[in-house]
Amino acid sequence: MLRELLGEVGEGSWIMPRFQCDYGYLIRLGSNSFLNYDAILLDCASITIGDDVSIGPRVQLLTALHPVDEHGMRRQRWERAEPIVIGNNVWLGGGVIVCAGVTVGDNAVVGAGSVVTRDLPARVLAVGNPARVIRKLDR
């Protein structure tokens, strides 16, 4: 069923219920990756998830953006979207929110409850709201 819904599902990947998305076909899930319970992927733009990624419960990947300064457009429900890219061997802790246009580099770890509003480089630990790099991961 996932292979019919999503644009791509790599070997050995699985998604726990309840999984919610807008379109599905804009989501690419690499090999051996895992999405825990209650994942929400708003794929108004592409969402690419690499290989060996672990995504905790209630994580949200949100590609949609709404006008900030244009009140009339917001009232009319205008929106646009920017893609999200999650690199290989990334771990997103429970409740993480990744905002539109963000790339998370390979081997990064994002602590539970963090809100990722800008790109994170590879091999870092990031936490908080907004998520900030607190140290590099050497191994």
N, C-alpha and C. Protein backbone atom coordinates (compact mmCIF):
# COMPACT_ATOMS: atom_id res chain seq x y z
N MET A 1 0.81 -1.19 0.00
CA MET A 1 0.00 0.00 0.00
C MET A 1 0.88 1.27 0.00
N LEU A 2 1.95 1.26 0.80
CA LEU A 2 2.84 2.43 0.84
C LEU A 2 3.48 2.69 -0.51
N ARG A 3 3.83 1.63 -1.21
CA ARG A 3 4.46 1.80 -2.53
C ARG A 3 3.50 2.43 -3.53
N GLU A 4 2.21 2.23 -3.35
CA GLU A 4 1.21 2.87 -4.21
C GLU A 4 1.00 4.33 -3.84
N LEU A 5 1.05 4.63 -2.56
CA LEU A 5 0.79 5.99 -2.07
C LEU A 5 1.99 6.92 -2.27
N LEU A 6 3.17 6.46 -1.89
CA LEU A 6 4.36 7.31 -1.89
C LEU A 6 5.09 7.27 -3.23
N GLY A 7 5.84 8.32 -3.49
CA GLY A 7 6.62 8.39 -4.73
C GLY A 7 7.69 7.32 -4.80
N GLU A 8 8.26 6.99 -3.64
CA GLU A 8 9.31 5.97 -3.59
C GLU A 8 9.43 5.47 -2.16
N VAL A 9 9.60 4.15 -2.02
CA VAL A 9 9.84 3.53 -0.71
C VAL A 9 10.99 2.56 -0.87
N GLY A 10 12.10 2.82 -0.18
CA GLY A 10 13.26 1.95 -0.25
C GLY A 10 13.05 0.65 0.51
N GLU A 11 13.86 -0.33 0.16
CA GLU A 11 13.79 -1.65 0.80
C GLU A 11 14.03 -1.53 2.31
N GLY A 12 13.24 -2.27 3.07
CA GLY A 12 13.43 -2.35 4.51
C GLY A 12 12.87 -1.18 5.29
N SER A 13 12.21 -0.24 4.64
CA SER A 13 11.62 0.91 5.34
C SER A 13 10.21 0.58 5.78
N TRP A 14 9.80 1.20 6.89
CA TRP A 14 8.43 1.01 7.34
C TRP A 14 7.93 2.23 8.08
N ILE A 15 6.60 2.33 8.10
CA ILE A 15 5.90 3.45 8.72
C ILE A 15 4.84 2.90 9.66
N MET A 16 4.87 3.37 10.89
CA MET A 16 3.86 2.97 11.88
C MET A 16 2.59 3.81 11.66
N PRO A 17 1.44 3.28 12.07
CA PRO A 17 0.23 4.08 11.96
C PRO A 17 0.21 5.16 13.05
N ARG A 18 -0.42 6.08 12.95
CA ARG A 18 -1.24 6.72 11.97
C ARG A 18 -0.34 7.66 11.19
N PHE A 19 -0.27 7.45 9.91
CA PHE A 19 0.54 8.25 9.01
C PHE A 19 -0.38 9.17 8.22
N GLN A 20 -0.03 10.47 8.19
CA GLN A 20 -0.87 11.43 7.46
C GLN A 20 -0.01 12.22 6.48
N CYS A 21 -0.53 12.43 5.28
CA CYS A 21 0.16 13.24 4.27
C CYS A 21 -0.88 13.92 3.40
N ASP A 22 -0.42 14.92 2.61
CA ASP A 22 -1.33 15.59 1.69
C ASP A 22 -1.52 14.78 0.41
N TYR A 23 -0.42 14.48 -0.27
CA TYR A 23 -0.49 13.86 -1.58
C TYR A 23 0.17 12.49 -1.64
N GLY A 24 1.28 12.33 -0.98
CA GLY A 24 1.98 11.05 -0.97
C GLY A 24 3.01 10.91 -2.07
N TYR A 25 2.62 11.19 -3.28
CA TYR A 25 3.54 10.96 -4.41
C TYR A 25 4.75 11.90 -4.38
N LEU A 26 4.71 12.95 -3.58
CA LEU A 26 5.85 13.86 -3.47
C LEU A 26 6.84 13.44 -2.38
N ILE A 27 6.59 12.29 -1.75
CA ILE A 27 7.44 11.79 -0.67
C ILE A 27 8.34 10.68 -1.20
N ARG A 28 9.64 10.83 -0.95
CA ARG A 28 10.63 9.80 -1.29
C ARG A 28 11.24 9.32 0.01
N LEU A 29 11.09 8.03 0.31
CA LEU A 29 11.61 7.43 1.53
C LEU A 29 12.70 6.44 1.16
N GLY A 30 13.91 6.68 1.67
CA GLY A 30 15.04 5.82 1.35
C GLY A 30 14.94 4.44 1.97
N SER A 31 16.01 3.69 1.88
CA SER A 31 16.07 2.32 2.39
C SER A 31 16.30 2.29 3.89
N ASN A 32 15.74 1.27 4.53
CA ASN A 32 15.97 1.00 5.95
C ASN A 32 15.65 2.19 6.84
N SER A 33 14.63 2.96 6.49
CA SER A 33 14.22 4.11 7.28
C SER A 33 12.92 3.80 8.01
N PHE A 34 12.69 4.51 9.13
CA PHE A 34 11.57 4.21 10.02
C PHE A 34 10.88 5.49 10.45
N LEU A 35 9.56 5.52 10.26
CA LEU A 35 8.73 6.61 10.77
C LEU A 35 7.85 6.04 11.87
N ASN A 36 7.97 6.60 13.07
CA ASN A 36 7.23 6.12 14.21
C ASN A 36 5.78 6.63 14.17
N TYR A 37 5.02 6.36 15.21
CA TYR A 37 3.60 6.67 15.26
C TYR A 37 3.30 8.15 15.01
N ASP A 38 2.18 8.39 14.34
CA ASP A 38 1.58 9.72 14.18
C ASP A 38 2.41 10.71 13.37
N ALA A 39 3.17 10.24 12.41
CA ALA A 39 3.94 11.15 11.54
C ALA A 39 2.99 11.95 10.66
N ILE A 40 3.28 13.26 10.54
CA ILE A 40 2.52 14.13 9.65
C ILE A 40 3.49 14.72 8.63
N LEU A 41 3.30 14.40 7.36
CA LEU A 41 4.14 14.92 6.29
C LEU A 41 3.25 15.71 5.34
N LEU A 42 3.29 17.04 5.45
CA LEU A 42 2.52 17.90 4.55
C LEU A 42 3.36 18.13 3.31
N ASP A 43 3.12 17.31 2.31
CA ASP A 43 3.93 17.30 1.10
C ASP A 43 3.30 18.12 -0.03
N CYS A 44 3.16 19.41 0.23
CA CYS A 44 2.74 20.34 -0.84
C CYS A 44 3.92 20.56 -1.79
N ALA A 45 5.13 20.34 -1.31
CA ALA A 45 6.36 20.29 -2.10
C ALA A 45 7.02 18.95 -1.76
N SER A 46 8.11 18.64 -2.43
CA SER A 46 8.74 17.34 -2.22
C SER A 46 9.33 17.20 -0.82
N ILE A 47 9.25 15.98 -0.31
CA ILE A 47 9.92 15.60 0.94
C ILE A 47 10.78 14.40 0.61
N THR A 48 12.09 14.55 0.82
CA THR A 48 13.04 13.48 0.56
C THR A 48 13.65 13.05 1.88
N ILE A 49 13.50 11.77 2.19
CA ILE A 49 14.04 11.20 3.41
C ILE A 49 15.06 10.15 2.98
N GLY A 50 16.29 10.29 3.47
CA GLY A 50 17.39 9.42 3.05
C GLY A 50 17.30 8.01 3.59
N ASP A 51 18.42 7.30 3.47
CA ASP A 51 18.54 5.93 3.95
C ASP A 51 18.87 5.93 5.45
N ASP A 52 18.42 4.89 6.14
CA ASP A 52 18.76 4.66 7.56
C ASP A 52 18.32 5.80 8.47
N VAL A 53 17.22 6.44 8.15
CA VAL A 53 16.70 7.55 8.95
C VAL A 53 15.73 7.01 10.00
N SER A 54 15.81 7.56 11.21
CA SER A 54 14.88 7.22 12.28
C SER A 54 14.09 8.47 12.64
N ILE A 55 12.78 8.38 12.52
CA ILE A 55 11.91 9.51 12.79
C ILE A 55 10.99 9.13 13.95
N GLY A 56 11.08 9.89 15.04
CA GLY A 56 10.34 9.60 16.26
C GLY A 56 8.85 9.85 16.13
N PRO A 57 8.10 9.50 17.19
CA PRO A 57 6.65 9.68 17.16
C PRO A 57 6.26 11.15 17.09
N ARG A 58 5.18 11.39 16.37
CA ARG A 58 4.57 12.71 16.23
C ARG A 58 5.48 13.76 15.59
N VAL A 59 6.39 13.33 14.76
CA VAL A 59 7.22 14.27 14.00
C VAL A 59 6.38 14.86 12.89
N GLN A 60 6.63 16.15 12.58
CA GLN A 60 5.93 16.84 11.50
C GLN A 60 6.95 17.41 10.52
N LEU A 61 6.79 17.09 9.25
CA LEU A 61 7.59 17.67 8.16
C LEU A 61 6.61 18.51 7.35
N LEU A 62 6.78 19.84 7.40
CA LEU A 62 5.76 20.77 6.90
C LEU A 62 6.31 21.63 5.77
N THR A 63 5.93 21.36 4.54
CA THR A 63 6.45 22.12 3.40
C THR A 63 5.64 23.37 3.10
N ALA A 64 4.45 23.50 3.65
CA ALA A 64 3.56 24.63 3.32
C ALA A 64 4.00 25.92 4.01
N LEU A 65 3.85 27.03 3.29
CA LEU A 65 4.12 28.37 3.80
C LEU A 65 2.93 29.26 3.47
N HIS A 66 2.63 30.18 4.36
CA HIS A 66 1.52 31.11 4.16
C HIS A 66 2.04 32.54 4.21
N PRO A 67 1.38 33.48 3.53
CA PRO A 67 1.84 34.87 3.53
C PRO A 67 1.89 35.44 4.95
N VAL A 68 2.96 36.14 5.25
CA VAL A 68 3.11 36.75 6.57
C VAL A 68 2.59 38.19 6.54
N ASP A 69 3.04 38.97 5.58
CA ASP A 69 2.70 40.39 5.52
C ASP A 69 1.43 40.69 4.74
N GLU A 70 1.05 39.82 3.85
CA GLU A 70 -0.12 40.04 2.99
C GLU A 70 -1.36 39.46 3.65
N HIS A 71 -2.00 40.25 4.49
CA HIS A 71 -3.14 39.78 5.27
C HIS A 71 -4.31 39.31 4.40
N GLY A 72 -4.57 40.04 3.34
CA GLY A 72 -5.66 39.66 2.44
C GLY A 72 -5.42 38.31 1.79
N MET A 73 -4.19 38.07 1.35
CA MET A 73 -3.85 36.79 0.74
C MET A 73 -3.98 35.65 1.75
N ARG A 74 -3.55 35.91 2.98
CA ARG A 74 -3.67 34.89 4.01
C ARG A 74 -5.15 34.60 4.30
N ARG A 75 -5.98 35.62 4.33
CA ARG A 75 -7.40 35.45 4.54
C ARG A 75 -8.02 34.58 3.44
N GLN A 76 -7.47 34.70 2.23
CA GLN A 76 -7.97 33.91 1.10
C GLN A 76 -7.33 32.53 1.03
N ARG A 77 -6.52 32.21 2.02
CA ARG A 77 -5.88 30.88 2.15
C ARG A 77 -4.80 30.62 1.09
N TRP A 78 -4.15 31.67 0.61
CA TRP A 78 -3.03 31.49 -0.31
C TRP A 78 -1.92 30.74 0.42
N GLU A 79 -1.20 29.94 -0.32
CA GLU A 79 -0.02 29.29 0.23
C GLU A 79 0.95 28.96 -0.89
N ARG A 80 2.16 28.72 -0.48
CA ARG A 80 3.19 28.21 -1.37
C ARG A 80 3.93 27.13 -0.59
N ALA A 81 4.89 26.49 -1.20
CA ALA A 81 5.59 25.41 -0.50
C ALA A 81 7.05 25.37 -0.93
N GLU A 82 7.88 24.88 -0.03
CA GLU A 82 9.29 24.65 -0.31
C GLU A 82 9.66 23.25 0.16
N PRO A 83 10.56 22.56 -0.56
CA PRO A 83 10.88 21.17 -0.23
C PRO A 83 11.65 21.02 1.08
N ILE A 84 11.58 19.81 1.61
CA ILE A 84 12.34 19.41 2.78
C ILE A 84 13.21 18.23 2.37
N VAL A 85 14.48 18.24 2.83
CA VAL A 85 15.39 17.14 2.57
C VAL A 85 15.98 16.68 3.90
N ILE A 86 15.82 15.40 4.19
CA ILE A 86 16.40 14.78 5.38
C ILE A 86 17.49 13.83 4.87
N GLY A 87 18.73 14.07 5.27
CA GLY A 87 19.87 13.28 4.78
C GLY A 87 19.87 11.85 5.29
N ASN A 88 20.93 11.12 4.98
CA ASN A 88 21.09 9.73 5.40
C ASN A 88 21.48 9.65 6.88
N ASN A 89 21.00 8.60 7.54
CA ASN A 89 21.36 8.29 8.93
C ASN A 89 21.04 9.42 9.89
N VAL A 90 19.95 10.13 9.63
CA VAL A 90 19.49 11.21 10.51
C VAL A 90 18.54 10.62 11.54
N TRP A 91 18.56 11.19 12.74
CA TRP A 91 17.60 10.81 13.78
C TRP A 91 16.85 12.06 14.20
N LEU A 92 15.54 12.06 14.01
CA LEU A 92 14.67 13.13 14.47
C LEU A 92 13.91 12.60 15.68
N GLY A 93 14.16 13.18 16.86
CA GLY A 93 13.50 12.74 18.08
C GLY A 93 12.01 13.02 18.06
N GLY A 94 11.31 12.47 19.02
CA GLY A 94 9.87 12.61 19.11
C GLY A 94 9.42 14.07 19.11
N GLY A 95 8.37 14.35 18.36
CA GLY A 95 7.77 15.67 18.35
C GLY A 95 8.53 16.75 17.60
N VAL A 96 9.57 16.38 16.88
CA VAL A 96 10.33 17.37 16.10
C VAL A 96 9.45 17.92 14.99
N ILE A 97 9.59 19.21 14.72
CA ILE A 97 8.94 19.86 13.59
C ILE A 97 10.02 20.39 12.66
N VAL A 98 9.95 20.01 11.39
CA VAL A 98 10.88 20.51 10.38
C VAL A 98 10.07 21.40 9.45
N CYS A 99 10.49 22.66 9.32
CA CYS A 99 9.76 23.66 8.54
C CYS A 99 10.15 23.63 7.06
N ALA A 100 9.34 24.27 6.26
CA ALA A 100 9.52 24.32 4.80
C ALA A 100 10.89 24.86 4.42
N GLY A 101 11.46 24.24 3.38
CA GLY A 101 12.71 24.72 2.81
C GLY A 101 13.95 24.26 3.55
N VAL A 102 13.82 23.41 4.55
CA VAL A 102 14.94 23.00 5.39
C VAL A 102 15.59 21.73 4.86
N THR A 103 16.92 21.69 4.97
CA THR A 103 17.71 20.48 4.72
C THR A 103 18.43 20.11 6.00
N VAL A 104 18.32 18.85 6.39
CA VAL A 104 19.05 18.32 7.54
C VAL A 104 20.13 17.41 6.99
N GLY A 105 21.39 17.72 7.29
CA GLY A 105 22.53 17.00 6.74
C GLY A 105 22.68 15.58 7.26
N ASP A 106 23.46 14.78 6.54
CA ASP A 106 23.70 13.39 6.90
C ASP A 106 24.21 13.27 8.34
N ASN A 107 23.79 12.20 9.01
CA ASN A 107 24.28 11.84 10.34
C ASN A 107 23.95 12.86 11.43
N ALA A 108 23.01 13.76 11.18
CA ALA A 108 22.60 14.73 12.19
C ALA A 108 21.59 14.10 13.13
N VAL A 109 21.54 14.63 14.37
CA VAL A 109 20.56 14.22 15.37
C VAL A 109 19.84 15.48 15.83
N VAL A 110 18.51 15.43 15.84
CA VAL A 110 17.70 16.55 16.31
C VAL A 110 16.93 16.09 17.54
N GLY A 111 17.14 16.80 18.66
CA GLY A 111 16.53 16.41 19.92
C GLY A 111 15.03 16.55 19.93
N ALA A 112 14.39 15.74 20.77
CA ALA A 112 12.94 15.71 20.90
C ALA A 112 12.37 17.11 21.14
N GLY A 113 11.27 17.39 20.45
CA GLY A 113 10.56 18.64 20.64
C GLY A 113 11.17 19.85 19.94
N SER A 114 12.25 19.67 19.22
CA SER A 114 12.91 20.78 18.54
C SER A 114 12.11 21.23 17.32
N VAL A 115 12.28 22.51 16.97
CA VAL A 115 11.65 23.08 15.78
C VAL A 115 12.78 23.55 14.86
N VAL A 116 12.90 22.88 13.72
CA VAL A 116 14.00 23.14 12.79
C VAL A 116 13.51 24.15 11.75
N THR A 117 14.03 25.38 11.85
CA THR A 117 13.58 26.47 10.99
C THR A 117 14.59 26.82 9.91
N ARG A 118 15.79 26.27 10.00
CA ARG A 118 16.81 26.53 8.98
C ARG A 118 17.69 25.30 8.83
N ASP A 119 18.47 25.27 7.75
CA ASP A 119 19.30 24.10 7.44
C ASP A 119 20.22 23.74 8.59
N LEU A 120 20.42 22.42 8.76
CA LEU A 120 21.39 21.91 9.72
C LEU A 120 22.48 21.16 8.96
N PRO A 121 23.75 21.39 9.30
CA PRO A 121 24.83 20.70 8.62
C PRO A 121 24.89 19.23 9.02
N ALA A 122 25.72 18.47 8.33
CA ALA A 122 25.93 17.07 8.64
C ALA A 122 26.66 16.94 9.99
N ARG A 123 26.42 15.80 10.64
CA ARG A 123 27.15 15.40 11.86
C ARG A 123 27.08 16.41 12.99
N VAL A 124 25.85 16.86 13.30
CA VAL A 124 25.67 17.76 14.44
C VAL A 124 24.51 17.27 15.31
N LEU A 125 24.53 17.70 16.55
CA LEU A 125 23.39 17.54 17.46
C LEU A 125 22.76 18.91 17.59
N ALA A 126 21.46 19.00 17.29
CA ALA A 126 20.74 20.26 17.37
C ALA A 126 19.51 20.07 18.26
N VAL A 127 19.23 21.09 19.08
CA VAL A 127 18.08 21.03 19.98
C VAL A 127 17.46 22.41 20.12
N GLY A 128 16.21 22.45 20.55
CA GLY A 128 15.57 23.70 20.92
C GLY A 128 14.58 24.24 19.92
N ASN A 129 14.03 25.41 20.29
CA ASN A 129 13.07 26.12 19.45
C ASN A 129 13.45 27.59 19.41
N PRO A 130 14.04 28.02 18.28
CA PRO A 130 14.40 27.23 17.10
C PRO A 130 15.61 26.33 17.39
N ALA A 131 15.72 25.24 16.64
CA ALA A 131 16.82 24.29 16.83
C ALA A 131 18.15 24.98 16.58
N ARG A 132 19.09 24.74 17.49
CA ARG A 132 20.45 25.28 17.37
C ARG A 132 21.44 24.14 17.54
N VAL A 133 22.52 24.21 16.80
CA VAL A 133 23.59 23.21 16.92
C VAL A 133 24.25 23.41 18.28
N ILE A 134 24.33 22.32 19.06
CA ILE A 134 25.02 22.44 20.34
C ILE A 134 26.37 21.74 20.35
N ARG A 135 26.57 20.80 19.40
CA ARG A 135 27.90 20.22 19.26
C ARG A 135 27.99 19.43 17.97
N LYS A 136 29.23 19.17 17.56
CA LYS A 136 29.48 18.33 16.41
C LYS A 136 29.51 16.88 16.85
N LEU A 137 29.16 15.99 15.94
CA LEU A 137 29.22 14.55 16.18
C LEU A 137 30.37 13.98 15.39
N ASP A 138 31.38 13.52 16.06
CA ASP A 138 32.62 13.11 15.39
C ASP A 138 32.58 11.68 14.86
N ARG A 139 31.75 10.84 15.41
CA ARG A 139 31.77 9.43 15.00
C ARG A 139 30.77 9.13 13.93
